[in-house]
C-alpha atoms as a PDB file:
ATOM      1  CA  UNK A   1     -74.424  90.914 -27.522  1.00  0.00           C
ATOM      2  CA  UNK A   2     -76.081  94.098 -26.424  1.00  0.00           C
ATOM      3  CA  UNK A   3     -76.149  96.076 -23.174  1.00  0.00           C
ATOM      4  CA  UNK A   4     -78.746  94.976 -20.681  1.00  0.00           C
ATOM      5  CA  UNK A   5     -79.076  91.453 -22.112  1.00  0.00           C
ATOM      6  CA  UNK A   6     -77.259  89.554 -19.381  1.00  0.00           C
ATOM      7  CA  UNK A   7     -79.472  86.479 -19.022  1.00  0.00           C
ATOM      8  CA  UNK A   8     -78.725  84.586 -22.218  1.00  0.00           C
ATOM      9  CA  UNK A   9     -74.937  84.378 -21.995  1.00  0.00           C
ATOM     10  CA  UNK A  10     -74.605  82.443 -18.704  1.00  0.00           C
ATOM     11  CA  UNK A  11     -77.318  80.088 -19.939  1.00  0.00           C
ATOM     12  CA  UNK A  12     -75.434  79.555 -23.196  1.00  0.00           C
ATOM     13  CA  UNK A  13     -72.200  78.856 -21.322  1.00  0.00           C
ATOM     14  CA  UNK A  14     -73.970  76.369 -19.043  1.00  0.00           C
ATOM     15  CA  UNK A  15     -75.667  74.689 -21.998  1.00  0.00           C
ATOM     16  CA  UNK A  16     -72.290  74.250 -23.634  1.00  0.00           C
ATOM     17  CA  UNK A  17     -70.379  72.737 -20.730  1.00  0.00           C
ATOM     18  CA  UNK A  18     -72.964  71.246 -18.392  1.00  0.00           C
ATOM     19  CA  UNK A  19     -73.861  68.241 -20.568  1.00  0.00           C
ATOM     20  CA  UNK A  20     -70.223  67.161 -20.778  1.00  0.00           C
ATOM     21  CA  UNK A  21     -69.740  67.421 -17.029  1.00  0.00           C
ATOM     22  CA  UNK A  22     -73.025  65.675 -16.203  1.00  0.00           C
ATOM     23  CA  UNK A  23     -72.633  62.812 -18.673  1.00  0.00           C
ATOM     24  CA  UNK A  24     -69.020  62.117 -17.788  1.00  0.00           C
ATOM     25  CA  UNK A  25     -69.804  62.419 -14.082  1.00  0.00           C
ATOM     26  CA  UNK A  26     -72.713  60.000 -14.404  1.00  0.00           C
ATOM     27  CA  UNK A  27     -70.355  57.498 -16.024  1.00  0.00           C
ATOM     28  CA  UNK A  28     -67.872  58.048 -13.151  1.00  0.00           C
ATOM     29  CA  UNK A  29     -65.261  59.142 -15.677  1.00  0.00           C
ATOM     30  CA  UNK A  30     -63.018  61.515 -13.755  1.00  0.00           C
ATOM     31  CA  UNK A  31     -59.699  61.369 -15.605  1.00  0.00           C
ATOM     32  CA  UNK A  32     -58.152  64.774 -14.901  1.00  0.00           C
ATOM     33  CA  UNK A  33     -56.188  64.956 -18.164  1.00  0.00           C
ATOM     34  CA  UNK A  34     -59.202  64.062 -20.275  1.00  0.00           C
ATOM     35  CA  UNK A  35     -61.459  66.564 -18.504  1.00  0.00           C
ATOM     36  CA  UNK A  36     -58.874  69.377 -18.456  1.00  0.00           C
ATOM     37  CA  UNK A  37     -60.217  71.031 -21.656  1.00  0.00           C
ATOM     38  CA  UNK A  38     -63.733  71.059 -20.205  1.00  0.00           C
ATOM     39  CA  UNK A  39     -62.563  72.633 -16.952  1.00  0.00           C
ATOM     40  CA  UNK A  40     -60.380  75.103 -18.851  1.00  0.00           C
ATOM     41  CA  UNK A  41     -63.362  76.035 -21.023  1.00  0.00           C
ATOM     42  CA  UNK A  42     -65.556  76.550 -17.973  1.00  0.00           C
ATOM     43  CA  UNK A  43     -62.904  78.776 -16.390  1.00  0.00           C
ATOM     44  CA  UNK A  44     -62.409  80.727 -19.623  1.00  0.00           C
ATOM     45  CA  UNK A  45     -66.158  81.211 -20.133  1.00  0.00           C
ATOM     46  CA  UNK A  46     -66.548  82.279 -16.501  1.00  0.00           C
ATOM     47  CA  UNK A  47     -63.708  84.788 -16.801  1.00  0.00           C
ATOM     48  CA  UNK A  48     -65.214  86.137 -20.010  1.00  0.00           C
ATOM     49  CA  UNK A  49     -68.609  86.541 -18.372  1.00  0.00           C
ATOM     50  CA  UNK A  50     -67.067  88.299 -15.374  1.00  0.00           C
ATOM     51  CA  UNK A  51     -65.146  90.683 -17.621  1.00  0.00           C
ATOM     52  CA  UNK A  52     -68.228  91.335 -19.775  1.00  0.00           C
ATOM     53  CA  UNK A  53     -70.529  91.842 -16.784  1.00  0.00           C
ATOM     54  CA  UNK A  54     -70.324  95.656 -16.724  1.00  0.00           C
ATOM     55  CA  UNK A  55     -71.349  95.762 -20.383  1.00  0.00           C
ATOM     56  CA  UNK A  56     -74.001  93.050 -20.159  1.00  0.00           C
ATOM     57  CA  UNK A  57     -75.594  94.497 -17.039  1.00  0.00           C
ATOM     58  CA  UNK A  58     -75.481  98.109 -18.195  1.00  0.00           C
ATOM     59  CA  UNK A  59     -78.716 100.019 -18.169  1.00  0.00           C
ATOM     60  CA  UNK A  60     -79.723 101.113 -21.639  1.00  0.00           C
ATOM     61  CA  UNK A  61     -80.538 104.756 -22.121  1.00  0.00           C
ATOM     62  CA  UNK A  62     -84.134 105.343 -23.144  1.00  0.00           C
ATOM     63  CA  UNK A  63     -84.775 108.067 -25.721  1.00  0.00           C
END
């Protein structure tokens, strides 16, 4: 993780959670207790990205 490299982290978070949500949604599997870890992970990853945003979006100083 380095300053100014903000694009890869949201994509990595989406790549980690999106398949689970899409596949289970396509199967019409919506059990709240079973999907709670996925939703918790999405919320945790989102909070982490929001908290890391100032660092990830920082402009790097050029020598």
